[in-house]
Every structure is written in C-alpha cells, then in structure tokens.
Amino acid sequence: MRKKNCWEVNLCGRQPGGHNEKEFGVCSVAIETKFNKINGGVNGGRYCWEVTDSFCEFDKSGAFAKDPNTCNNCSFRKLVAQEEGSGFIE
C-alpha cells in the first residue's frame, strides 16, 4: 500500500494542482525535493515538520507552523512515526 503524504491526509489542497493552490499558493512541503522519499514520501510529504515555511494542519489558509511543539503534537507526524516504526526519520 502506498504511503500518503501530508496533503493527502490533511486535504489542504496546497499541492500543485490542488483545490487551494490558486487562492493560497503551493505549500513548500509539496515542492521541497531535498526530502524526497524520506519516510516513503514525495518531496517533503512525509517529512513536513522539517520543511522551512511549511503550513500547519491546524490552519490550512497559510499560517506557518513556527512553534516546534505544533509539529511534535501533529497527528500526521504521529501517523508517520507509527507507520514507519523503527525506520522513522525524525
């Protein structure tokens, strides 16, 4: 089974071609290639907590996740950690 990226789980629509791309722009997570394939994701899709200027699951309209605790407590990050088990890359 293919692993889902953050935009597929959170349904933010901020990926290229997503339903919120025109209104809010593309999230840096979806286009950050240096993290491609980490935790089995596309670009930063399963490593979003390490992407500069990533958007938070709690505010899909564009608030940056500036507080590290926001990402540490994120349900998507917890899901990735559970799915990856001992292979999880923090």
N, C-alpha and C. Protein backbone atom coordinates (compact mmCIF):
# COMPACT_ATOMS: atom_id res chain seq x y z
N MET A 1 0.83 -1.19 0.00
CA MET A 1 0.00 0.00 0.00
C MET A 1 0.88 1.26 0.00
N ARG A 2 0.54 2.21 -0.86
CA ARG A 2 1.30 3.44 -0.96
C ARG A 2 1.06 4.32 0.26
N LYS A 3 2.12 4.92 0.76
CA LYS A 3 2.02 5.79 1.93
C LYS A 3 1.53 7.17 1.49
N LYS A 4 0.65 7.75 2.28
CA LYS A 4 0.08 9.05 1.94
C LYS A 4 0.96 10.19 2.45
N ASN A 5 0.99 11.25 1.66
CA ASN A 5 1.69 12.47 2.02
C ASN A 5 0.77 13.36 2.84
N CYS A 6 1.33 14.37 3.49
CA CYS A 6 0.54 15.22 4.39
C CYS A 6 -0.64 15.86 3.69
N TRP A 7 -0.47 16.34 2.46
CA TRP A 7 -1.58 16.99 1.76
C TRP A 7 -2.70 16.03 1.41
N GLU A 8 -2.38 14.74 1.33
CA GLU A 8 -3.40 13.73 1.05
C GLU A 8 -4.18 13.36 2.31
N VAL A 9 -3.53 13.45 3.44
CA VAL A 9 -4.18 13.13 4.71
C VAL A 9 -4.95 14.34 5.23
N ASN A 10 -4.32 15.50 5.21
CA ASN A 10 -4.94 16.71 5.76
C ASN A 10 -5.88 17.41 4.78
N LEU A 11 -5.83 17.01 3.52
CA LEU A 11 -6.72 17.55 2.48
C LEU A 11 -6.67 19.07 2.40
N CYS A 12 -5.47 19.62 2.50
CA CYS A 12 -5.31 21.08 2.49
C CYS A 12 -5.46 21.68 1.09
N GLY A 13 -5.18 20.88 0.06
CA GLY A 13 -5.28 21.38 -1.31
C GLY A 13 -4.19 22.34 -1.69
N ARG A 14 -3.07 22.32 -0.98
CA ARG A 14 -1.97 23.25 -1.22
C ARG A 14 -0.86 22.66 -2.10
N GLN A 15 -1.03 21.44 -2.60
CA GLN A 15 -0.07 20.83 -3.51
C GLN A 15 -0.29 21.39 -4.92
N PRO A 16 0.70 21.26 -5.83
CA PRO A 16 0.49 21.72 -7.20
C PRO A 16 -0.76 21.09 -7.80
N GLY A 17 -1.65 21.92 -8.31
CA GLY A 17 -2.91 21.45 -8.87
C GLY A 17 -4.01 21.24 -7.85
N GLY A 18 -3.71 21.48 -6.58
CA GLY A 18 -4.70 21.29 -5.52
C GLY A 18 -5.78 22.36 -5.54
N HIS A 19 -6.89 22.09 -4.87
CA HIS A 19 -8.03 22.99 -4.90
C HIS A 19 -7.80 24.34 -4.21
N ASN A 20 -6.76 24.47 -3.38
CA ASN A 20 -6.45 25.75 -2.73
C ASN A 20 -5.19 26.41 -3.30
N GLU A 21 -4.62 25.84 -4.35
CA GLU A 21 -3.38 26.38 -4.90
C GLU A 21 -3.55 27.83 -5.37
N LYS A 22 -4.60 28.11 -6.11
CA LYS A 22 -4.79 29.47 -6.64
C LYS A 22 -5.04 30.49 -5.55
N GLU A 23 -5.81 30.12 -4.56
CA GLU A 23 -6.16 31.06 -3.50
C GLU A 23 -5.02 31.29 -2.51
N PHE A 24 -4.33 30.21 -2.10
CA PHE A 24 -3.33 30.31 -1.05
C PHE A 24 -1.90 30.01 -1.49
N GLY A 25 -1.72 29.50 -2.70
CA GLY A 25 -0.38 29.15 -3.17
C GLY A 25 -0.02 27.72 -2.81
N VAL A 26 1.13 27.30 -3.33
CA VAL A 26 1.61 25.94 -3.09
C VAL A 26 2.42 25.91 -1.80
N CYS A 27 2.16 24.94 -0.97
CA CYS A 27 2.92 24.74 0.27
C CYS A 27 4.32 24.25 -0.09
N SER A 28 5.31 24.76 0.61
CA SER A 28 6.70 24.38 0.35
C SER A 28 6.96 22.89 0.54
N VAL A 29 6.16 22.23 1.35
CA VAL A 29 6.32 20.79 1.59
C VAL A 29 6.16 20.00 0.29
N ALA A 30 5.19 20.40 -0.51
CA ALA A 30 4.87 19.66 -1.73
C ALA A 30 5.93 19.80 -2.82
N ILE A 31 6.79 20.80 -2.71
CA ILE A 31 7.79 21.03 -3.76
C ILE A 31 9.24 20.94 -3.27
N GLU A 32 9.44 20.65 -1.99
CA GLU A 32 10.79 20.56 -1.42
C GLU A 32 11.42 19.21 -1.76
N THR A 33 12.23 19.20 -2.80
CA THR A 33 12.78 17.94 -3.33
C THR A 33 13.89 17.32 -2.49
N LYS A 34 14.56 18.09 -1.65
CA LYS A 34 15.69 17.51 -0.90
C LYS A 34 15.24 16.47 0.12
N PHE A 35 13.95 16.43 0.43
CA PHE A 35 13.43 15.43 1.37
C PHE A 35 12.65 14.32 0.66
N ASN A 36 12.76 14.26 -0.65
CA ASN A 36 12.04 13.25 -1.42
C ASN A 36 12.38 11.85 -0.94
N LYS A 37 11.39 11.06 -0.73
CA LYS A 37 11.45 9.65 -0.32
C LYS A 37 11.75 9.43 1.16
N ILE A 38 12.01 10.49 1.93
CA ILE A 38 12.19 10.30 3.37
C ILE A 38 10.87 9.83 3.95
N ASN A 39 10.92 8.80 4.75
CA ASN A 39 9.74 8.16 5.33
C ASN A 39 8.75 7.71 4.25
N GLY A 40 9.25 7.50 3.03
CA GLY A 40 8.43 6.99 1.94
C GLY A 40 7.56 8.03 1.27
N GLY A 41 7.86 9.32 1.46
CA GLY A 41 7.02 10.36 0.91
C GLY A 41 7.53 10.96 -0.39
N VAL A 42 6.67 11.77 -1.00
CA VAL A 42 7.02 12.53 -2.19
C VAL A 42 7.45 13.91 -1.73
N ASN A 43 8.64 14.33 -2.16
CA ASN A 43 9.22 15.60 -1.72
C ASN A 43 9.20 15.65 -0.20
N GLY A 44 8.62 16.67 0.42
CA GLY A 44 8.57 16.74 1.88
C GLY A 44 7.30 16.18 2.47
N GLY A 45 6.55 15.42 1.70
CA GLY A 45 5.22 14.97 2.08
C GLY A 45 5.11 14.10 3.31
N ARG A 46 6.20 13.45 3.71
CA ARG A 46 6.17 12.66 4.94
C ARG A 46 7.33 13.07 5.86
N TYR A 47 7.73 14.33 5.69
CA TYR A 47 8.81 14.91 6.50
C TYR A 47 8.55 16.42 6.65
N CYS A 48 7.28 16.78 6.63
CA CYS A 48 6.86 18.18 6.59
C CYS A 48 7.36 19.00 7.78
N TRP A 49 7.55 18.37 8.92
CA TRP A 49 7.98 19.08 10.12
C TRP A 49 9.40 19.63 10.00
N GLU A 50 10.14 19.22 8.99
CA GLU A 50 11.49 19.72 8.77
C GLU A 50 11.58 20.69 7.58
N VAL A 51 10.47 20.96 6.94
CA VAL A 51 10.47 21.84 5.77
C VAL A 51 10.25 23.28 6.20
N THR A 52 11.16 24.16 5.79
CA THR A 52 11.03 25.58 6.09
C THR A 52 9.76 26.12 5.47
N ASP A 53 9.06 26.94 6.21
CA ASP A 53 7.82 27.58 5.77
C ASP A 53 6.72 26.59 5.44
N SER A 54 6.71 25.47 6.14
CA SER A 54 5.60 24.52 5.92
C SER A 54 4.35 25.06 6.59
N PHE A 55 3.22 24.56 6.17
CA PHE A 55 1.96 25.00 6.72
C PHE A 55 1.45 23.98 7.71
N CYS A 56 0.71 24.46 8.66
CA CYS A 56 0.27 23.65 9.77
C CYS A 56 -1.10 23.03 9.50
N GLU A 57 -1.30 21.81 9.96
CA GLU A 57 -2.59 21.15 9.79
C GLU A 57 -3.73 21.91 10.46
N PHE A 58 -3.40 22.77 11.42
CA PHE A 58 -4.43 23.49 12.16
C PHE A 58 -4.89 24.76 11.46
N ASP A 59 -4.14 25.21 10.44
CA ASP A 59 -4.52 26.42 9.71
C ASP A 59 -4.12 26.27 8.25
N LYS A 60 -4.99 25.70 7.47
CA LYS A 60 -4.71 25.42 6.07
C LYS A 60 -4.67 26.68 5.21
N SER A 61 -5.07 27.81 5.77
CA SER A 61 -5.10 29.05 5.00
C SER A 61 -3.73 29.69 4.86
N GLY A 62 -2.74 29.26 5.61
CA GLY A 62 -1.41 29.77 5.39
C GLY A 62 -0.60 30.15 6.60
N ALA A 63 -1.04 29.88 7.80
CA ALA A 63 -0.23 30.18 8.97
C ALA A 63 0.94 29.21 9.05
N PHE A 64 2.12 29.73 9.26
CA PHE A 64 3.30 28.87 9.36
C PHE A 64 3.33 28.20 10.73
N ALA A 65 3.83 27.00 10.75
CA ALA A 65 3.98 26.26 12.00
C ALA A 65 5.32 26.69 12.62
N LYS A 66 5.29 27.77 13.38
CA LYS A 66 6.53 28.35 13.93
C LYS A 66 6.94 27.70 15.24
N ASP A 67 6.01 27.20 16.00
CA ASP A 67 6.29 26.59 17.29
C ASP A 67 6.59 25.11 17.08
N PRO A 68 7.79 24.66 17.47
CA PRO A 68 8.14 23.24 17.29
C PRO A 68 7.15 22.28 17.94
N ASN A 69 6.50 22.70 19.00
CA ASN A 69 5.53 21.83 19.66
C ASN A 69 4.32 21.57 18.78
N THR A 70 4.02 22.50 17.88
CA THR A 70 2.92 22.29 16.94
C THR A 70 3.20 21.05 16.11
N CYS A 71 4.40 20.94 15.57
CA CYS A 71 4.75 19.78 14.75
C CYS A 71 4.92 18.52 15.60
N ASN A 72 5.48 18.66 16.77
CA ASN A 72 5.66 17.49 17.63
C ASN A 72 4.34 16.87 18.04
N ASN A 73 3.30 17.67 18.13
CA ASN A 73 1.99 17.20 18.54
C ASN A 73 1.06 16.94 17.36
N CYS A 74 1.56 17.08 16.17
CA CYS A 74 0.76 16.94 14.96
C CYS A 74 0.31 15.48 14.75
N SER A 75 -0.97 15.30 14.44
CA SER A 75 -1.49 13.95 14.25
C SER A 75 -0.87 13.27 13.03
N PHE A 76 -0.52 14.04 12.00
CA PHE A 76 0.10 13.45 10.82
C PHE A 76 1.51 12.94 11.15
N ARG A 77 2.29 13.72 11.88
CA ARG A 77 3.64 13.29 12.27
C ARG A 77 3.55 12.01 13.10
N LYS A 78 2.59 11.95 13.99
CA LYS A 78 2.40 10.74 14.81
C LYS A 78 2.02 9.55 13.94
N LEU A 79 1.20 9.77 12.92
CA LEU A 79 0.82 8.72 11.99
C LEU A 79 2.04 8.19 11.24
N VAL A 80 2.88 9.10 10.74
CA VAL A 80 4.08 8.69 10.01
C VAL A 80 5.00 7.89 10.93
N ALA A 81 5.18 8.35 12.15
CA ALA A 81 6.03 7.64 13.11
C ALA A 81 5.50 6.23 13.36
N GLN A 82 4.20 6.10 13.49
CA GLN A 82 3.59 4.78 13.72
C GLN A 82 3.78 3.90 12.49
N GLU A 83 3.53 4.43 11.30
CA GLU A 83 3.65 3.64 10.08
C GLU A 83 5.09 3.22 9.80
N GLU A 84 6.05 4.10 10.12
CA GLU A 84 7.45 3.79 9.83
C GLU A 84 8.11 2.94 10.91
N GLY A 85 7.58 2.96 12.10
CA GLY A 85 8.15 2.17 13.19
C GLY A 85 9.61 2.53 13.44
N SER A 86 10.47 1.54 13.54
CA SER A 86 11.88 1.79 13.85
C SER A 86 12.62 2.49 12.72
N GLY A 87 12.04 2.52 11.53
CA GLY A 87 12.66 3.21 10.40
C GLY A 87 12.29 4.69 10.29
N PHE A 88 11.52 5.19 11.26
CA PHE A 88 11.06 6.58 11.25
C PHE A 88 12.24 7.54 11.31
N ILE A 89 12.26 8.50 10.40
CA ILE A 89 13.30 9.53 10.37
C ILE A 89 12.71 10.81 10.94
N GLU A 90 13.28 11.22 12.08
CA GLU A 90 12.79 12.42 12.73
C GLU A 90 13.45 13.61 12.11
